[in-house]
Protein backbone atom coordinates (compact mmCIF):
# COMPACT_ATOMS: atom_id res chain seq x y z
CA UNK A 1 9.87 22.29 19.34
CA UNK A 2 11.58 23.97 16.51
CA UNK A 3 11.96 22.35 13.35
CA UNK A 4 14.76 22.89 10.57
CA UNK A 5 14.65 21.78 7.21
CA UNK A 6 17.90 20.73 5.28
CA UNK A 7 17.91 20.54 1.64
CA UNK A 8 20.90 18.58 -0.47
CA UNK A 9 21.28 18.49 -4.27
CA UNK A 10 22.35 14.94 -4.31
CA UNK A 11 20.56 12.06 -2.64
CA UNK A 12 23.72 10.42 -1.30
CA UNK A 13 24.50 13.62 0.48
CA UNK A 14 20.87 13.44 2.04
CA UNK A 15 21.37 9.83 2.86
CA UNK A 16 24.68 10.75 4.78
CA UNK A 17 22.92 13.34 6.52
CA UNK A 18 20.22 11.22 7.49
CA UNK A 19 22.50 8.46 8.84
CA UNK A 20 24.51 10.97 10.98
CA UNK A 21 21.48 12.10 12.87
CA UNK A 22 19.04 10.19 15.15
CA UNK A 23 16.55 13.12 15.34
CA UNK A 24 16.40 13.59 11.66
CA UNK A 25 13.63 12.25 9.28
CA UNK A 26 13.61 12.05 5.33
CA UNK A 27 10.96 14.08 3.43
CA UNK A 28 9.70 12.03 0.43
CA UNK A 29 6.19 13.42 -0.58
CA UNK A 30 5.36 14.31 3.01
CA UNK A 31 2.10 12.26 3.49
CA UNK A 32 3.63 10.55 6.33
CA UNK A 33 6.10 12.89 7.74
CA UNK A 34 4.01 16.00 7.67
CA UNK A 35 1.00 14.16 9.48
CA UNK A 36 3.72 13.49 12.25
CA UNK A 37 4.70 17.08 12.51
CA UNK A 38 1.13 18.22 12.36
CA UNK A 39 0.41 15.99 15.28
CA UNK A 40 3.35 17.23 17.10
CA UNK A 41 5.74 14.29 16.92
CA UNK A 42 8.72 15.15 19.22
CA UNK A 43 10.86 12.19 18.22
CA UNK A 44 12.69 14.40 15.42
CA UNK A 45 13.50 17.82 15.03
CA UNK A 46 15.01 18.00 11.53
CA UNK A 47 13.69 17.30 8.02
CA UNK A 48 15.95 16.29 5.40
CA UNK A 49 15.13 16.55 1.50
CA UNK A 50 16.89 16.43 -1.68
CA UNK A 51 16.22 17.85 -5.09
CA UNK A 52 18.21 15.25 -6.89
CA UNK A 53 16.65 14.71 -10.29
CA UNK A 54 17.14 10.93 -10.29
CA UNK A 55 14.18 10.82 -8.01
CA UNK A 56 11.85 12.20 -10.64
CA UNK A 57 12.70 9.91 -13.49
CA UNK A 58 11.01 7.08 -15.16
CA UNK A 59 12.83 5.22 -17.76
CA UNK A 60 13.25 1.81 -19.43
CA UNK A 61 16.95 0.38 -18.77
CA UNK A 62 17.45 -2.79 -20.47
CA UNK A 63 14.99 -5.33 -19.30
CA UNK A 64 13.98 -3.08 -16.31
CA UNK A 65 11.52 -0.24 -15.75
CA UNK A 66 13.07 2.30 -13.33
CA UNK A 67 10.82 4.53 -11.40
CA UNK A 68 12.22 7.22 -9.24
CA UNK A 69 11.30 6.95 -5.66
CA UNK A 70 10.16 10.59 -5.79
CA UNK A 71 7.52 9.90 -8.50
CA UNK A 72 4.01 10.69 -7.27
CA UNK A 73 1.01 8.62 -7.74
CA UNK A 74 -0.31 11.29 -10.27
CA UNK A 75 2.86 11.05 -12.20
CA UNK A 76 2.40 7.25 -12.28
CA UNK A 77 -1.06 7.85 -13.71
CA UNK A 78 0.25 10.53 -16.33
CA UNK A 79 3.17 8.53 -17.58
CA UNK A 80 2.68 6.11 -20.57
CA UNK A 81 5.61 3.91 -19.37
CA UNK A 82 3.53 3.12 -15.97
CA UNK A 83 0.30 3.05 -17.56
CA UNK A 84 -0.25 -0.60 -16.32
CA UNK A 85 0.23 0.81 -12.77
CA UNK A 86 -2.42 3.54 -13.16
CA UNK A 87 -5.13 1.46 -11.69
CA UNK A 88 -3.30 0.67 -8.55
CA UNK A 89 -2.18 4.49 -8.22
CA UNK A 90 -5.83 5.64 -8.54
CA UNK A 91 -6.54 3.54 -5.45
CA UNK A 92 -4.12 5.77 -3.10
CA UNK A 93 -6.16 8.21 -1.48
CA UNK A 94 -7.85 11.32 -3.48
CA UNK A 95 -6.23 13.83 -5.74
CA UNK A 96 -4.55 15.78 -2.94
CA UNK A 97 -2.79 12.77 -1.68
CA UNK A 98 -2.04 11.28 -5.08
CA UNK A 99 -0.21 14.69 -5.88
CA UNK A 100 2.01 14.16 -2.83
CA UNK A 101 2.21 10.39 -2.22
CA UNK A 102 5.58 9.02 -3.72
CA UNK A 103 6.59 5.64 -4.77
CA UNK A 104 9.43 5.45 -2.41
CA UNK A 105 7.18 6.62 0.59
CA UNK A 106 4.72 4.14 -0.04
CA UNK A 107 7.24 1.42 0.67
CA UNK A 108 7.26 2.68 4.30
CA UNK A 109 3.79 2.89 4.75
CA UNK A 110 2.45 0.84 7.69
CA UNK A 111 -0.57 -1.43 7.27
CA UNK A 112 -3.17 -1.05 6.29
CA UNK A 113 -1.63 1.44 3.62
CA UNK A 114 1.03 0.39 1.14
CA UNK A 115 -1.32 -0.68 -1.63
CA UNK A 116 1.06 0.28 -4.40
CA UNK A 117 3.87 -1.60 -2.62
CA UNK A 118 1.69 -4.83 -2.75
CA UNK A 119 1.62 -4.36 -6.46
CA UNK A 120 5.33 -3.79 -6.64
CA UNK A 121 5.79 -7.01 -4.65
CA UNK A 122 3.80 -9.03 -7.03
CA UNK A 123 5.66 -7.57 -9.86
CA UNK A 124 9.05 -8.66 -8.41
CA UNK A 125 10.52 -5.31 -7.85
CA UNK A 126 13.95 -4.39 -6.47
CA UNK A 127 14.55 -1.39 -4.43
CA UNK A 128 17.70 0.86 -4.98
CA UNK A 129 18.88 2.53 -1.79
CA UNK A 130 21.41 5.54 -2.04
CA UNK A 131 24.97 4.34 -2.14
CA UNK A 132 23.77 0.67 -2.35
CA UNK A 133 23.08 -2.16 -4.53
CA UNK A 134 19.47 -3.07 -5.62
CA UNK A 135 17.79 -5.49 -2.96
CA UNK A 136 14.58 -7.58 -3.80
CA UNK A 137 11.43 -5.94 -2.37
CA UNK A 138 10.88 -9.14 -0.52
CA UNK A 139 14.15 -8.62 1.43
CA UNK A 140 13.56 -5.11 1.96
CA UNK A 141 10.02 -5.44 3.47
CA UNK A 142 11.15 -8.36 5.57
CA UNK A 143 13.77 -6.03 7.39
CA UNK A 144 11.79 -2.66 6.84
CA UNK A 145 12.08 -1.52 10.48
CA UNK A 146 15.91 -1.90 10.10
CA UNK A 147 15.75 -0.31 6.55
CA UNK A 148 13.88 2.65 7.94
CA UNK A 149 16.84 5.10 7.76
CA UNK A 150 17.52 4.17 3.98
CA UNK A 151 17.01 6.73 1.26
CA UNK A 152 15.53 5.04 -1.75
CA UNK A 153 16.46 6.27 -5.13
CA UNK A 154 14.50 4.13 -7.13
CA UNK A 155 12.53 1.05 -7.81
CA UNK A 156 13.16 -1.50 -10.64
CA UNK A 157 10.48 -3.62 -12.20
CA UNK A 158 11.34 -6.47 -14.52
CA UNK A 159 9.67 -5.71 -18.02
CA UNK A 160 6.32 -7.56 -18.32
CA UNK A 161 6.03 -9.57 -21.36
CA UNK A 162 2.32 -9.19 -21.25
CA UNK A 163 0.96 -6.31 -19.31
CA UNK A 164 -2.54 -8.29 -19.13
CA UNK A 165 -0.99 -10.77 -16.92
CA UNK A 166 -0.94 -8.04 -14.23
CA UNK A 167 -3.99 -7.99 -12.14
CA UNK A 168 -4.86 -5.82 -9.14
CA UNK A 169 -7.94 -5.13 -6.71
CA UNK A 170 -8.50 -2.97 -3.58
CA UNK A 171 -11.22 -3.84 -1.30
CA UNK A 172 -12.27 -0.88 0.66
CA UNK A 173 -15.72 0.25 2.59
CA UNK A 174 -15.42 3.72 1.18
CA UNK A 175 -15.05 4.03 -2.61
CA UNK A 176 -12.95 5.24 -4.70
CA UNK A 177 -10.35 6.23 -1.98
CA UNK A 178 -11.22 4.28 1.14
CA UNK A 179 -8.57 2.53 3.39
CA UNK A 180 -7.87 -1.01 2.27
CA UNK A 181 -9.85 -3.92 3.88
CA UNK A 182 -7.17 -5.91 1.85
CA UNK A 183 -5.53 -5.40 -1.56
CA UNK A 184 -4.30 -8.29 -3.90
CA UNK A 185 -1.97 -7.97 -6.54
CA UNK A 186 -1.02 -10.71 -9.26
CA UNK A 187 1.12 -11.43 -12.11
CA UNK A 188 -0.23 -14.53 -13.91
CA UNK A 189 1.91 -15.64 -16.85
CA UNK A 190 0.57 -18.49 -18.93
CA UNK A 191 2.42 -21.16 -20.74
CA UNK A 192 0.43 -23.42 -23.02
CA UNK A 193 -2.70 -22.58 -21.15
CA UNK A 194 -1.12 -23.38 -17.82
CA UNK A 195 0.22 -20.82 -15.24
CA UNK A 196 3.97 -20.53 -14.70
CA UNK A 197 5.61 -18.76 -11.96
CA UNK A 198 2.63 -16.68 -10.84
CA UNK A 199 3.09 -14.17 -8.05
CA UNK A 200 0.52 -12.99 -5.79
CA UNK A 201 0.73 -10.51 -3.22
CA UNK A 202 -1.57 -9.21 -0.28
CA UNK A 203 -1.93 -5.77 1.25
CA UNK A 204 -3.46 -5.01 4.65
CA UNK A 205 -3.18 -8.88 5.51
CA UNK A 206 -0.20 -8.37 7.88
CA UNK A 207 2.01 -5.92 9.42
CA UNK A 208 3.59 -5.17 5.87
CA UNK A 209 2.64 -6.28 2.30
CA UNK A 210 3.42 -10.04 1.80
CA UNK A 211 3.45 -12.76 -0.96
CA UNK A 212 0.80 -15.32 -0.76
CA UNK A 213 3.18 -18.24 -1.21
CA UNK A 214 0.85 -21.11 -0.64
CA UNK A 215 -1.31 -19.46 -3.21
CA UNK A 216 1.51 -19.34 -5.74
CA UNK A 217 2.38 -22.97 -5.24
CA UNK A 218 -1.21 -24.09 -5.80
CA UNK A 219 -1.44 -22.09 -8.91
CA UNK A 220 1.68 -23.46 -10.46
CA UNK A 221 0.80 -25.43 -13.68
CA UNK A 222 -2.88 -24.90 -13.35
CA UNK A 223 -5.44 -23.39 -15.61
CA UNK A 224 -7.25 -20.06 -14.97
CA UNK A 225 -10.65 -21.63 -14.41
CA UNK A 226 -12.70 -22.70 -11.41
CA UNK A 227 -11.27 -26.16 -11.34
CA UNK A 228 -7.82 -24.77 -11.67
CA UNK A 229 -7.82 -22.35 -9.02
CA UNK A 230 -9.86 -24.27 -6.47
CA UNK A 231 -6.67 -25.30 -4.27
CA UNK A 232 -5.34 -21.74 -4.36
CA UNK A 233 -8.83 -20.43 -2.91
CA UNK A 234 -8.32 -23.23 -0.27
CA UNK A 235 -5.09 -21.98 1.00
CA UNK A 236 -5.78 -18.11 0.36
CA UNK A 237 -5.06 -17.19 3.92
CA UNK A 238 -2.27 -19.79 4.68
CA UNK A 239 0.66 -18.01 6.15
CA UNK A 240 -1.09 -14.68 6.52
CA UNK A 241 -1.54 -12.59 9.92
CA UNK A 242 -4.35 -10.22 9.08
CA UNK A 243 -4.71 -7.31 11.71
CA UNK A 244 -7.89 -6.22 13.50
CA UNK A 245 -8.28 -2.37 13.12
CA UNK A 246 -11.08 0.17 12.96
CA UNK A 247 -11.50 -1.05 9.24
CA UNK A 248 -11.90 -4.54 9.68
CA UNK A 249 -11.26 -7.52 12.06
CA UNK A 250 -8.70 -10.16 11.28
CA UNK A 251 -11.76 -12.68 11.07
CA UNK A 252 -13.44 -10.50 8.28
CA UNK A 253 -10.22 -10.29 6.30
CA UNK A 254 -9.81 -13.90 6.44
CA UNK A 255 -13.51 -14.61 5.36
CA UNK A 256 -13.34 -12.17 2.09
CA UNK A 257 -9.59 -13.18 0.94
CA UNK A 258 -10.99 -16.13 -0.98
CA UNK A 259 -13.86 -14.43 -2.45
CA UNK A 260 -11.83 -11.61 -3.89
CA UNK A 261 -8.84 -13.74 -4.81
CA UNK A 262 -11.30 -15.88 -7.02
CA UNK A 263 -12.67 -12.72 -8.55
CA UNK A 264 -9.23 -11.60 -9.47
CA UNK A 265 -8.13 -14.91 -10.91
CA UNK A 266 -11.06 -15.26 -12.99
CA UNK A 267 -10.92 -11.63 -14.01
CA UNK A 268 -14.38 -10.96 -12.77
CA UNK A 269 -15.44 -7.53 -12.08
CA UNK A 270 -16.51 -6.65 -8.44
């Protein structure tokens, strides 16, 4: 099947063109769509892309860090504003993939991919679609299938008062760039030695990245020591639906989740 490519100067134009065609797909970094092309996917015949510079910007806007959807993992690593996210970006594939994979594209990556999105979920990020208002990443992911036709302009992250409150680990069989058995991201703010409004997110523990709500509730008001996190570990897999795939079984993912959650919460190296 012939494949056509349409390039637009403005992201809003690209979004309208995408919405007007059932046989078009949007090209971000290309790690997802070009694989489909190479494997002969016949469900689309048009690729839509945009050169809008807004997609390649990283900037502080008030209390928000705004990351353009076209920013690659390599650019996340290289930029001073996103230095706290560099350890997350480094776990996304090898150098060739990181030079292509974008922040926006990762939002649509199916499990067991989407490690960067799990980190954004823990960070209480918001997604800004073309022509629309910011929506919480929670809301976006819960309706991701319906949102498949959206073109994302940027992601907004509330400024962290203490970047050391953010923690992340990716568990994989092949290091450093293997596919995730699971990933865990957490923001662990402390007030007077107690956790307040902690956020914990998992990747590869369901069809999409998800909040570990039971863990968050169990951590509220607790100390970050073995006694303080005991209840959180007991409910580590409550509300999750891990897949069984060639990487790991659902049983195995459930077994290792409390182990790696404990290490992350206590700041232990693997």
